[in-house]
Amino acid sequence: MGIGIPLAIIALDAIYSKCLGNINQSVMQGAMIVAEDVITIVGPIYTSYIFTSYGFGALWMFNGIVVTLGTLLWLLNIRKLEKYS
């Protein structure tokens, strides 16, 4: 996670920058930083709560569902993103 999260955030910023084009992106970049900070703070809190309340299996199931939904959204929009590659 120490390597994966920063690399994913850099890739996400690059995709948004290409999609938005040549405009002032200061508000978008600020919103992304706020969202990243909230996720960094809330992530360990919800993870420890789910682990202590429901166990390791529920935690993996919840995270698997989130990753699956994200992958499905990405696959549904891949044609829109191809023009930016």
N, C-alpha and C. Protein backbone atom coordinates (compact mmCIF):
# COMPACT_ATOMS: atom_id res chain seq x y z
N MET A 1 0.81 -1.19 0.00
CA MET A 1 0.00 0.00 0.00
C MET A 1 0.86 1.26 0.00
N GLY A 2 2.04 1.18 0.58
CA GLY A 2 2.91 2.34 0.62
C GLY A 2 3.38 2.76 -0.76
N ILE A 3 3.47 1.82 -1.69
CA ILE A 3 3.87 2.14 -3.07
C ILE A 3 2.64 2.25 -3.97
N GLY A 4 1.66 1.38 -3.78
CA GLY A 4 0.50 1.31 -4.67
C GLY A 4 -0.40 2.53 -4.63
N ILE A 5 -0.69 3.05 -3.44
CA ILE A 5 -1.61 4.19 -3.33
C ILE A 5 -1.02 5.44 -3.97
N PRO A 6 0.23 5.83 -3.70
CA PRO A 6 0.76 7.02 -4.38
C PRO A 6 0.82 6.86 -5.90
N LEU A 7 1.15 5.67 -6.40
CA LEU A 7 1.18 5.47 -7.85
C LEU A 7 -0.21 5.56 -8.46
N ALA A 8 -1.20 5.02 -7.77
CA ALA A 8 -2.58 5.11 -8.26
C ALA A 8 -3.06 6.55 -8.27
N ILE A 9 -2.68 7.31 -7.27
CA ILE A 9 -3.10 8.71 -7.20
C ILE A 9 -2.46 9.52 -8.31
N ILE A 10 -1.19 9.27 -8.60
CA ILE A 10 -0.51 9.97 -9.69
C ILE A 10 -1.17 9.63 -11.02
N ALA A 11 -1.49 8.35 -11.23
CA ALA A 11 -2.14 7.94 -12.47
C ALA A 11 -3.52 8.57 -12.60
N LEU A 12 -4.27 8.63 -11.51
CA LEU A 12 -5.60 9.23 -11.53
C LEU A 12 -5.52 10.72 -11.83
N ASP A 13 -4.56 11.42 -11.24
CA ASP A 13 -4.37 12.84 -11.54
C ASP A 13 -4.04 13.05 -13.01
N ALA A 14 -3.19 12.19 -13.56
CA ALA A 14 -2.82 12.32 -14.98
C ALA A 14 -4.02 12.09 -15.89
N ILE A 15 -4.86 11.10 -15.57
CA ILE A 15 -6.06 10.84 -16.38
C ILE A 15 -7.00 12.02 -16.33
N TYR A 16 -7.25 12.55 -15.13
CA TYR A 16 -8.13 13.71 -15.01
C TYR A 16 -7.58 14.91 -15.77
N SER A 17 -6.28 15.13 -15.70
CA SER A 17 -5.68 16.26 -16.40
C SER A 17 -5.86 16.13 -17.91
N LYS A 18 -5.70 14.93 -18.44
CA LYS A 18 -5.90 14.72 -19.88
C LYS A 18 -7.36 14.89 -20.27
N CYS A 19 -8.28 14.40 -19.43
CA CYS A 19 -9.71 14.52 -19.75
C CYS A 19 -10.17 15.97 -19.69
N LEU A 20 -9.69 16.73 -18.72
CA LEU A 20 -10.14 18.11 -18.57
C LEU A 20 -9.51 19.05 -19.58
N GLY A 21 -8.33 18.71 -20.05
CA GLY A 21 -7.69 19.52 -21.09
C GLY A 21 -7.01 20.76 -20.54
N ASN A 22 -6.96 21.78 -21.38
CA ASN A 22 -6.21 23.01 -21.09
C ASN A 22 -7.07 24.02 -20.34
N ILE A 23 -7.44 23.71 -19.13
CA ILE A 23 -8.22 24.63 -18.32
C ILE A 23 -7.55 24.77 -16.96
N ASN A 24 -8.01 25.73 -16.19
CA ASN A 24 -7.50 25.90 -14.83
C ASN A 24 -7.99 24.73 -13.97
N GLN A 25 -7.07 23.93 -13.50
CA GLN A 25 -7.42 22.72 -12.76
C GLN A 25 -7.14 22.85 -11.27
N SER A 26 -6.98 24.06 -10.77
CA SER A 26 -6.61 24.23 -9.37
C SER A 26 -7.69 23.69 -8.43
N VAL A 27 -8.96 23.94 -8.74
CA VAL A 27 -10.04 23.45 -7.87
C VAL A 27 -10.09 21.92 -7.91
N MET A 28 -9.94 21.34 -9.09
CA MET A 28 -9.97 19.88 -9.21
C MET A 28 -8.81 19.25 -8.45
N GLN A 29 -7.62 19.83 -8.58
CA GLN A 29 -6.46 19.29 -7.88
C GLN A 29 -6.65 19.42 -6.36
N GLY A 30 -7.22 20.53 -5.92
CA GLY A 30 -7.48 20.71 -4.48
C GLY A 30 -8.50 19.70 -3.97
N ALA A 31 -9.55 19.46 -4.77
CA ALA A 31 -10.56 18.48 -4.37
C ALA A 31 -9.96 17.08 -4.31
N MET A 32 -9.08 16.77 -5.26
CA MET A 32 -8.43 15.45 -5.25
C MET A 32 -7.56 15.28 -4.00
N ILE A 33 -6.84 16.33 -3.62
CA ILE A 33 -5.99 16.24 -2.43
C ILE A 33 -6.83 16.07 -1.18
N VAL A 34 -7.95 16.80 -1.09
CA VAL A 34 -8.85 16.64 0.06
C VAL A 34 -9.40 15.22 0.11
N ALA A 35 -9.85 14.69 -1.04
CA ALA A 35 -10.39 13.33 -1.08
C ALA A 35 -9.32 12.31 -0.69
N GLU A 36 -8.10 12.49 -1.17
CA GLU A 36 -7.00 11.58 -0.82
C GLU A 36 -6.74 11.60 0.68
N ASP A 37 -6.74 12.80 1.28
CA ASP A 37 -6.48 12.91 2.71
C ASP A 37 -7.60 12.27 3.53
N VAL A 38 -8.85 12.47 3.10
CA VAL A 38 -9.97 11.86 3.81
C VAL A 38 -9.88 10.34 3.73
N ILE A 39 -9.56 9.82 2.55
CA ILE A 39 -9.44 8.37 2.39
C ILE A 39 -8.30 7.83 3.24
N THR A 40 -7.20 8.57 3.30
CA THR A 40 -6.05 8.12 4.10
C THR A 40 -6.39 8.09 5.59
N ILE A 41 -7.25 9.00 6.03
CA ILE A 41 -7.63 9.02 7.45
C ILE A 41 -8.74 8.02 7.74
N VAL A 42 -9.78 8.00 6.90
CA VAL A 42 -10.95 7.17 7.16
C VAL A 42 -10.68 5.69 6.87
N GLY A 43 -9.82 5.40 5.91
CA GLY A 43 -9.55 4.02 5.52
C GLY A 43 -9.13 3.12 6.67
N PRO A 44 -8.10 3.48 7.42
CA PRO A 44 -7.70 2.62 8.54
C PRO A 44 -8.76 2.53 9.64
N ILE A 45 -9.56 3.60 9.81
CA ILE A 45 -10.59 3.57 10.85
C ILE A 45 -11.67 2.56 10.48
N TYR A 46 -12.18 2.62 9.23
CA TYR A 46 -13.22 1.67 8.84
C TYR A 46 -12.67 0.25 8.78
N THR A 47 -11.41 0.11 8.35
CA THR A 47 -10.81 -1.22 8.27
C THR A 47 -10.71 -1.86 9.65
N SER A 48 -10.25 -1.11 10.63
CA SER A 48 -10.12 -1.69 11.97
C SER A 48 -11.49 -1.96 12.58
N TYR A 49 -12.49 -1.10 12.30
CA TYR A 49 -13.84 -1.34 12.81
C TYR A 49 -14.44 -2.61 12.21
N ILE A 50 -14.34 -2.77 10.91
CA ILE A 50 -14.89 -3.96 10.26
C ILE A 50 -14.17 -5.21 10.76
N PHE A 51 -12.85 -5.12 10.90
CA PHE A 51 -12.07 -6.29 11.36
C PHE A 51 -12.47 -6.69 12.78
N THR A 52 -12.58 -5.72 13.69
CA THR A 52 -12.92 -6.07 15.07
C THR A 52 -14.37 -6.49 15.22
N SER A 53 -15.26 -5.95 14.39
CA SER A 53 -16.69 -6.28 14.51
C SER A 53 -17.07 -7.57 13.80
N TYR A 54 -16.53 -7.78 12.61
CA TYR A 54 -17.01 -8.88 11.76
C TYR A 54 -15.94 -9.88 11.37
N GLY A 55 -14.69 -9.57 11.57
CA GLY A 55 -13.63 -10.50 11.25
C GLY A 55 -12.96 -10.23 9.90
N PHE A 56 -11.96 -11.03 9.65
CA PHE A 56 -11.13 -10.85 8.47
C PHE A 56 -11.87 -11.14 7.17
N GLY A 57 -12.75 -12.15 7.18
CA GLY A 57 -13.49 -12.53 5.98
C GLY A 57 -14.40 -11.42 5.48
N ALA A 58 -15.09 -10.75 6.39
CA ALA A 58 -15.97 -9.65 6.00
C ALA A 58 -15.17 -8.48 5.43
N LEU A 59 -14.00 -8.23 5.99
CA LEU A 59 -13.16 -7.16 5.49
C LEU A 59 -12.72 -7.42 4.06
N TRP A 60 -12.29 -8.64 3.78
CA TRP A 60 -11.89 -9.00 2.42
C TRP A 60 -13.07 -8.96 1.46
N MET A 61 -14.23 -9.39 1.93
CA MET A 61 -15.42 -9.37 1.08
C MET A 61 -15.80 -7.93 0.72
N PHE A 62 -15.80 -7.04 1.69
CA PHE A 62 -16.13 -5.64 1.45
C PHE A 62 -15.14 -5.00 0.49
N ASN A 63 -13.87 -5.21 0.73
CA ASN A 63 -12.84 -4.65 -0.16
C ASN A 63 -12.93 -5.26 -1.56
N GLY A 64 -13.24 -6.54 -1.64
CA GLY A 64 -13.41 -7.18 -2.95
C GLY A 64 -14.58 -6.59 -3.73
N ILE A 65 -15.67 -6.30 -3.03
CA ILE A 65 -16.83 -5.69 -3.69
C ILE A 65 -16.48 -4.30 -4.20
N VAL A 66 -15.77 -3.52 -3.41
CA VAL A 66 -15.38 -2.18 -3.83
C VAL A 66 -14.47 -2.24 -5.06
N VAL A 67 -13.49 -3.14 -5.05
CA VAL A 67 -12.58 -3.28 -6.19
C VAL A 67 -13.34 -3.77 -7.43
N THR A 68 -14.27 -4.70 -7.25
CA THR A 68 -15.06 -5.21 -8.38
C THR A 68 -15.91 -4.11 -8.99
N LEU A 69 -16.56 -3.30 -8.16
CA LEU A 69 -17.36 -2.19 -8.67
C LEU A 69 -16.50 -1.17 -9.42
N GLY A 70 -15.34 -0.86 -8.87
CA GLY A 70 -14.43 0.06 -9.55
C GLY A 70 -13.96 -0.48 -10.88
N THR A 71 -13.66 -1.77 -10.94
CA THR A 71 -13.23 -2.39 -12.19
C THR A 71 -14.35 -2.39 -13.22
N LEU A 72 -15.57 -2.68 -12.78
CA LEU A 72 -16.71 -2.65 -13.70
C LEU A 72 -16.95 -1.25 -14.26
N LEU A 73 -16.87 -0.24 -13.41
CA LEU A 73 -17.02 1.14 -13.89
C LEU A 73 -15.93 1.49 -14.90
N TRP A 74 -14.72 1.05 -14.62
CA TRP A 74 -13.61 1.32 -15.53
C TRP A 74 -13.85 0.63 -16.87
N LEU A 75 -14.28 -0.63 -16.84
CA LEU A 75 -14.53 -1.36 -18.08
C LEU A 75 -15.68 -0.76 -18.88
N LEU A 76 -16.71 -0.28 -18.19
CA LEU A 76 -17.83 0.34 -18.88
C LEU A 76 -17.44 1.65 -19.57
N ASN A 77 -16.41 2.32 -19.07
CA ASN A 77 -16.00 3.61 -19.61
C ASN A 77 -14.68 3.57 -20.37
N ILE A 78 -14.17 2.37 -20.67
CA ILE A 78 -12.85 2.26 -21.31
C ILE A 78 -12.82 2.91 -22.67
N ARG A 79 -13.90 2.85 -23.43
CA ARG A 79 -13.92 3.47 -24.76
C ARG A 79 -13.81 4.98 -24.66
N LYS A 80 -14.41 5.57 -23.64
CA LYS A 80 -14.30 7.02 -23.45
C LYS A 80 -12.88 7.41 -23.08
N LEU A 81 -12.18 6.54 -22.35
CA LEU A 81 -10.82 6.85 -21.92
C LEU A 81 -9.78 6.57 -23.01
N GLU A 82 -10.10 5.73 -23.99
CA GLU A 82 -9.12 5.38 -25.03
C GLU A 82 -8.66 6.58 -25.82
N LYS A 83 -9.53 7.55 -26.04
CA LYS A 83 -9.14 8.72 -26.83
C LYS A 83 -8.14 9.60 -26.11
N TYR A 84 -7.94 9.40 -24.80
CA TYR A 84 -6.99 10.20 -24.04
C TYR A 84 -5.63 9.50 -23.89
N SER A 85 -5.50 8.28 -24.39
CA SER A 85 -4.24 7.56 -24.20
C SER A 85 -3.20 7.97 -25.21
